[in-house]
Amino acid sequence: MAQNSGRFGSLIGRILLSLIFVLAGFGKIGDWSATADYMASRGMPAIPFFLTMTILVETVGGLSLLLGYRTKAAALALFLFLVPATLLFHNFWTYPEELQKIQMIMFLKNLAIMGGLLTIAAAGPGPISLDARSNGGVRS
């Protein structure tokens, strides 16, 4: 049973972590204008470029994490993406008082996700992954 929990635990963990990125990436495609407006409200420059890059990082990185393909690199890329995103968009100390609590929760949520991503970057995707399959079943 312990073997199955490790085997399926890493898969389920990757699925759960990847969902936020995949859904956010596709959501930004479907609501480009609102996302661009929000980015502008936070003082982002070069919005078309950064929004396109955000969509690519979230969708490609999220799908890579989901499938366990180049998992360590994907987890590290998503971690690095979250550092400036968290500091620019969830810097709760810059929001009006009535929005600070929700932004602090979003900030802390991102820190928790970053912890999960670093864990995957260090430990690898687990045995149920494309990485393991391409390495002859050896975890990478």
C-alpha atoms as a PDB file:
ATOM      1  CA  MET A   1       0.000   0.000   0.000  1.00  0.00           C
ATOM      2  CA  ALA A   2       2.856   2.395   0.794  1.00  0.00           C
ATOM      3  CA  GLN A   3       4.298   1.723  -2.650  1.00  0.00           C
ATOM      4  CA  ASN A   4       0.987   2.602  -4.318  1.00  0.00           C
ATOM      5  CA  SER A   5       0.606   5.804  -2.295  1.00  0.00           C
ATOM      6  CA  GLY A   6       4.052   6.940  -3.434  1.00  0.00           C
ATOM      7  CA  ARG A   7       3.364   5.842  -6.977  1.00  0.00           C
ATOM      8  CA  PHE A   8      -0.012   7.536  -7.234  1.00  0.00           C
ATOM      9  CA  GLY A   9       0.723  10.310  -4.741  1.00  0.00           C
ATOM     10  CA  SER A  10       3.278  11.952  -7.008  1.00  0.00           C
ATOM     11  CA  LEU A  11       0.912  11.670  -9.984  1.00  0.00           C
ATOM     12  CA  ILE A  12      -2.011  13.164  -8.057  1.00  0.00           C
ATOM     13  CA  GLY A  13       0.255  15.901  -6.681  1.00  0.00           C
ATOM     14  CA  ARG A  14       1.385  16.836 -10.198  1.00  0.00           C
ATOM     15  CA  ILE A  15      -2.203  16.854 -11.443  1.00  0.00           C
ATOM     16  CA  LEU A  16      -3.342  19.123  -8.623  1.00  0.00           C
ATOM     17  CA  LEU A  17      -0.410  21.516  -9.018  1.00  0.00           C
ATOM     18  CA  SER A  18      -0.735  21.657 -12.795  1.00  0.00           C
ATOM     19  CA  LEU A  19      -4.452  22.514 -12.776  1.00  0.00           C
ATOM     20  CA  ILE A  20      -3.984  26.084 -11.576  1.00  0.00           C
ATOM     21  CA  PHE A  21      -1.489  26.828 -14.342  1.00  0.00           C
ATOM     22  CA  VAL A  22      -3.344  25.119 -17.189  1.00  0.00           C
ATOM     23  CA  LEU A  23      -6.693  26.663 -16.254  1.00  0.00           C
ATOM     24  CA  ALA A  24      -5.153  30.105 -15.710  1.00  0.00           C
ATOM     25  CA  GLY A  25      -3.326  29.981 -19.038  1.00  0.00           C
ATOM     26  CA  PHE A  26      -6.420  28.995 -21.008  1.00  0.00           C
ATOM     27  CA  GLY A  27      -8.481  31.486 -19.006  1.00  0.00           C
ATOM     28  CA  LYS A  28      -6.171  34.310 -20.050  1.00  0.00           C
ATOM     29  CA  ILE A  29      -6.555  33.295 -23.694  1.00  0.00           C
ATOM     30  CA  GLY A  30     -10.332  33.463 -23.313  1.00  0.00           C
ATOM     31  CA  ASP A  31     -10.274  36.767 -21.445  1.00  0.00           C
ATOM     32  CA  TRP A  32      -7.273  38.564 -22.951  1.00  0.00           C
ATOM     33  CA  SER A  33      -8.736  42.082 -22.524  1.00  0.00           C
ATOM     34  CA  ALA A  34      -9.592  41.756 -18.835  1.00  0.00           C
ATOM     35  CA  THR A  35      -6.175  40.244 -18.103  1.00  0.00           C
ATOM     36  CA  ALA A  36      -4.429  43.008 -20.057  1.00  0.00           C
ATOM     37  CA  ASP A  37      -6.461  45.632 -18.165  1.00  0.00           C
ATOM     38  CA  TYR A  38      -5.494  44.067 -14.823  1.00  0.00           C
ATOM     39  CA  MET A  39      -1.840  43.989 -15.823  1.00  0.00           C
ATOM     40  CA  ALA A  40      -2.061  47.667 -16.818  1.00  0.00           C
ATOM     41  CA  SER A  41      -3.662  48.522 -13.469  1.00  0.00           C
ATOM     42  CA  ARG A  42      -0.601  47.033 -11.726  1.00  0.00           C
ATOM     43  CA  GLY A  43       1.802  49.074 -13.874  1.00  0.00           C
ATOM     44  CA  MET A  44       3.055  46.312 -16.195  1.00  0.00           C
ATOM     45  CA  PRO A  45       4.936  47.484 -19.289  1.00  0.00           C
ATOM     46  CA  ALA A  46       4.850  45.713 -22.683  1.00  0.00           C
ATOM     47  CA  ILE A  47       1.582  43.978 -21.861  1.00  0.00           C
ATOM     48  CA  PRO A  48       1.076  42.080 -25.156  1.00  0.00           C
ATOM     49  CA  PHE A  49       4.552  40.539 -24.831  1.00  0.00           C
ATOM     50  CA  PHE A  50       4.277  39.671 -21.129  1.00  0.00           C
ATOM     51  CA  LEU A  51       0.723  38.390 -21.451  1.00  0.00           C
ATOM     52  CA  THR A  52       1.741  36.127 -24.339  1.00  0.00           C
ATOM     53  CA  MET A  53       4.739  34.852 -22.361  1.00  0.00           C
ATOM     54  CA  THR A  54       2.541  34.288 -19.293  1.00  0.00           C
ATOM     55  CA  ILE A  55       0.091  32.215 -21.323  1.00  0.00           C
ATOM     56  CA  LEU A  56       2.941  30.155 -22.785  1.00  0.00           C
ATOM     57  CA  VAL A  57       4.626  29.550 -19.426  1.00  0.00           C
ATOM     58  CA  GLU A  58       1.384  28.654 -17.680  1.00  0.00           C
ATOM     59  CA  THR A  59      -0.009  26.356 -20.373  1.00  0.00           C
ATOM     60  CA  VAL A  60       3.195  24.677 -21.557  1.00  0.00           C
ATOM     61  CA  GLY A  61       4.665  24.462 -18.049  1.00  0.00           C
ATOM     62  CA  GLY A  62       1.377  23.259 -16.596  1.00  0.00           C
ATOM     63  CA  LEU A  63       0.900  20.584 -19.269  1.00  0.00           C
ATOM     64  CA  SER A  64       4.505  19.470 -18.892  1.00  0.00           C
ATOM     65  CA  LEU A  65       3.981  19.130 -15.143  1.00  0.00           C
ATOM     66  CA  LEU A  66       0.700  17.283 -15.692  1.00  0.00           C
ATOM     67  CA  LEU A  67       2.236  14.760 -18.080  1.00  0.00           C
ATOM     68  CA  GLY A  68       5.492  14.438 -16.193  1.00  0.00           C
ATOM     69  CA  TYR A  69       7.497  15.492 -19.234  1.00  0.00           C
ATOM     70  CA  ARG A  70      10.724  17.373 -18.496  1.00  0.00           C
ATOM     71  CA  THR A  71       9.150  17.728 -15.116  1.00  0.00           C
ATOM     72  CA  LYS A  72      12.047  19.137 -13.135  1.00  0.00           C
ATOM     73  CA  ALA A  73      12.650  21.889 -15.704  1.00  0.00           C
ATOM     74  CA  ALA A  74       8.925  22.681 -15.893  1.00  0.00           C
ATOM     75  CA  ALA A  75       8.608  22.878 -12.104  1.00  0.00           C
ATOM     76  CA  LEU A  76      11.632  25.158 -11.892  1.00  0.00           C
ATOM     77  CA  ALA A  77      10.341  27.386 -14.721  1.00  0.00           C
ATOM     78  CA  LEU A  78       6.932  27.694 -13.051  1.00  0.00           C
ATOM     79  CA  PHE A  79       8.633  28.473  -9.734  1.00  0.00           C
ATOM     80  CA  LEU A  80      10.711  31.224 -11.360  1.00  0.00           C
ATOM     81  CA  PHE A  81       7.598  32.561 -13.109  1.00  0.00           C
ATOM     82  CA  LEU A  82       5.748  32.779  -9.789  1.00  0.00           C
ATOM     83  CA  VAL A  83       8.427  34.870  -8.057  1.00  0.00           C
ATOM     84  CA  PRO A  84       7.819  38.118  -9.999  1.00  0.00           C
ATOM     85  CA  ALA A  85       4.124  37.326 -10.553  1.00  0.00           C
ATOM     86  CA  THR A  86       3.604  37.033  -6.799  1.00  0.00           C
ATOM     87  CA  LEU A  87       5.575  40.171  -6.007  1.00  0.00           C
ATOM     88  CA  LEU A  88       3.883  42.261  -8.720  1.00  0.00           C
ATOM     89  CA  PHE A  89       0.288  41.095  -8.483  1.00  0.00           C
ATOM     90  CA  HIS A  90      -0.168  39.914  -4.903  1.00  0.00           C
ATOM     91  CA  ASN A  91       1.944  42.476  -3.048  1.00  0.00           C
ATOM     92  CA  PHE A  92      -0.839  42.847  -0.501  1.00  0.00           C
ATOM     93  CA  TRP A  93       0.915  45.677   1.342  1.00  0.00           C
ATOM     94  CA  THR A  94       0.266  48.005  -1.652  1.00  0.00           C
ATOM     95  CA  TYR A  95      -3.477  47.316  -1.899  1.00  0.00           C
ATOM     96  CA  PRO A  96      -6.243  49.283  -0.193  1.00  0.00           C
ATOM     97  CA  GLU A  97      -7.063  47.965   3.261  1.00  0.00           C
ATOM     98  CA  GLU A  98     -10.272  46.230   2.132  1.00  0.00           C
ATOM     99  CA  LEU A  99      -8.307  44.158  -0.421  1.00  0.00           C
ATOM    100  CA  GLN A 100      -5.218  43.374   1.658  1.00  0.00           C
ATOM    101  CA  LYS A 101      -6.563  40.199   3.280  1.00  0.00           C
ATOM    102  CA  ILE A 102      -7.534  38.493   0.020  1.00  0.00           C
ATOM    103  CA  GLN A 103      -4.249  39.538  -1.597  1.00  0.00           C
ATOM    104  CA  MET A 104      -2.311  38.213   1.393  1.00  0.00           C
ATOM    105  CA  ILE A 105      -4.116  34.884   0.979  1.00  0.00           C
ATOM    106  CA  MET A 106      -3.218  34.880  -2.734  1.00  0.00           C
ATOM    107  CA  PHE A 107       0.398  35.725  -1.837  1.00  0.00           C
ATOM    108  CA  LEU A 108       0.577  32.849   0.655  1.00  0.00           C
ATOM    109  CA  LYS A 109      -1.154  30.477  -1.796  1.00  0.00           C
ATOM    110  CA  ASN A 110       1.557  31.253  -4.331  1.00  0.00           C
ATOM    111  CA  LEU A 111       4.250  30.594  -1.734  1.00  0.00           C
ATOM    112  CA  ALA A 112       2.674  27.197  -1.019  1.00  0.00           C
ATOM    113  CA  ILE A 113       2.552  26.395  -4.747  1.00  0.00           C
ATOM    114  CA  MET A 114       6.187  27.462  -5.033  1.00  0.00           C
ATOM    115  CA  GLY A 115       7.037  25.001  -2.246  1.00  0.00           C
ATOM    116  CA  GLY A 116       5.294  22.192  -4.111  1.00  0.00           C
ATOM    117  CA  LEU A 117       7.089  23.096  -7.330  1.00  0.00           C
ATOM    118  CA  LEU A 118      10.485  23.089  -5.611  1.00  0.00           C
ATOM    119  CA  THR A 119       9.676  19.685  -4.125  1.00  0.00           C
ATOM    120  CA  ILE A 120       8.931  18.311  -7.598  1.00  0.00           C
ATOM    121  CA  ALA A 121      12.038  20.004  -9.028  1.00  0.00           C
ATOM    122  CA  ALA A 122      14.130  18.259  -6.351  1.00  0.00           C
ATOM    123  CA  ALA A 123      12.426  14.842  -6.214  1.00  0.00           C
ATOM    124  CA  GLY A 124      11.283  14.408  -9.809  1.00  0.00           C
ATOM    125  CA  PRO A 125       7.923  13.423 -11.247  1.00  0.00           C
ATOM    126  CA  GLY A 126       7.558   9.967  -9.769  1.00  0.00           C
ATOM    127  CA  PRO A 127       7.159   6.640 -11.543  1.00  0.00           C
ATOM    128  CA  ILE A 128       3.945   7.458 -13.440  1.00  0.00           C
ATOM    129  CA  SER A 129       5.287  10.053 -15.855  1.00  0.00           C
ATOM    130  CA  LEU A 130       6.630  10.443 -19.341  1.00  0.00           C
ATOM    131  CA  ASP A 131      10.046  11.176 -17.836  1.00  0.00           C
ATOM    132  CA  ALA A 132      10.086   7.812 -16.047  1.00  0.00           C
ATOM    133  CA  ARG A 133       8.865   6.048 -19.165  1.00  0.00           C
ATOM    134  CA  SER A 134      11.577   7.582 -21.352  1.00  0.00           C
ATOM    135  CA  ASN A 135      14.227   6.623 -18.776  1.00  0.00           C
ATOM    136  CA  GLY A 136      13.173   2.980 -18.799  1.00  0.00           C
ATOM    137  CA  GLY A 137      11.018   3.390 -15.692  1.00  0.00           C
ATOM    138  CA  VAL A 138      13.759   5.142 -13.719  1.00  0.00           C
ATOM    139  CA  ARG A 139      12.591   8.255 -11.921  1.00  0.00           C
ATOM    140  CA  SER A 140      14.233  11.456 -13.017  1.00  0.00           C
END
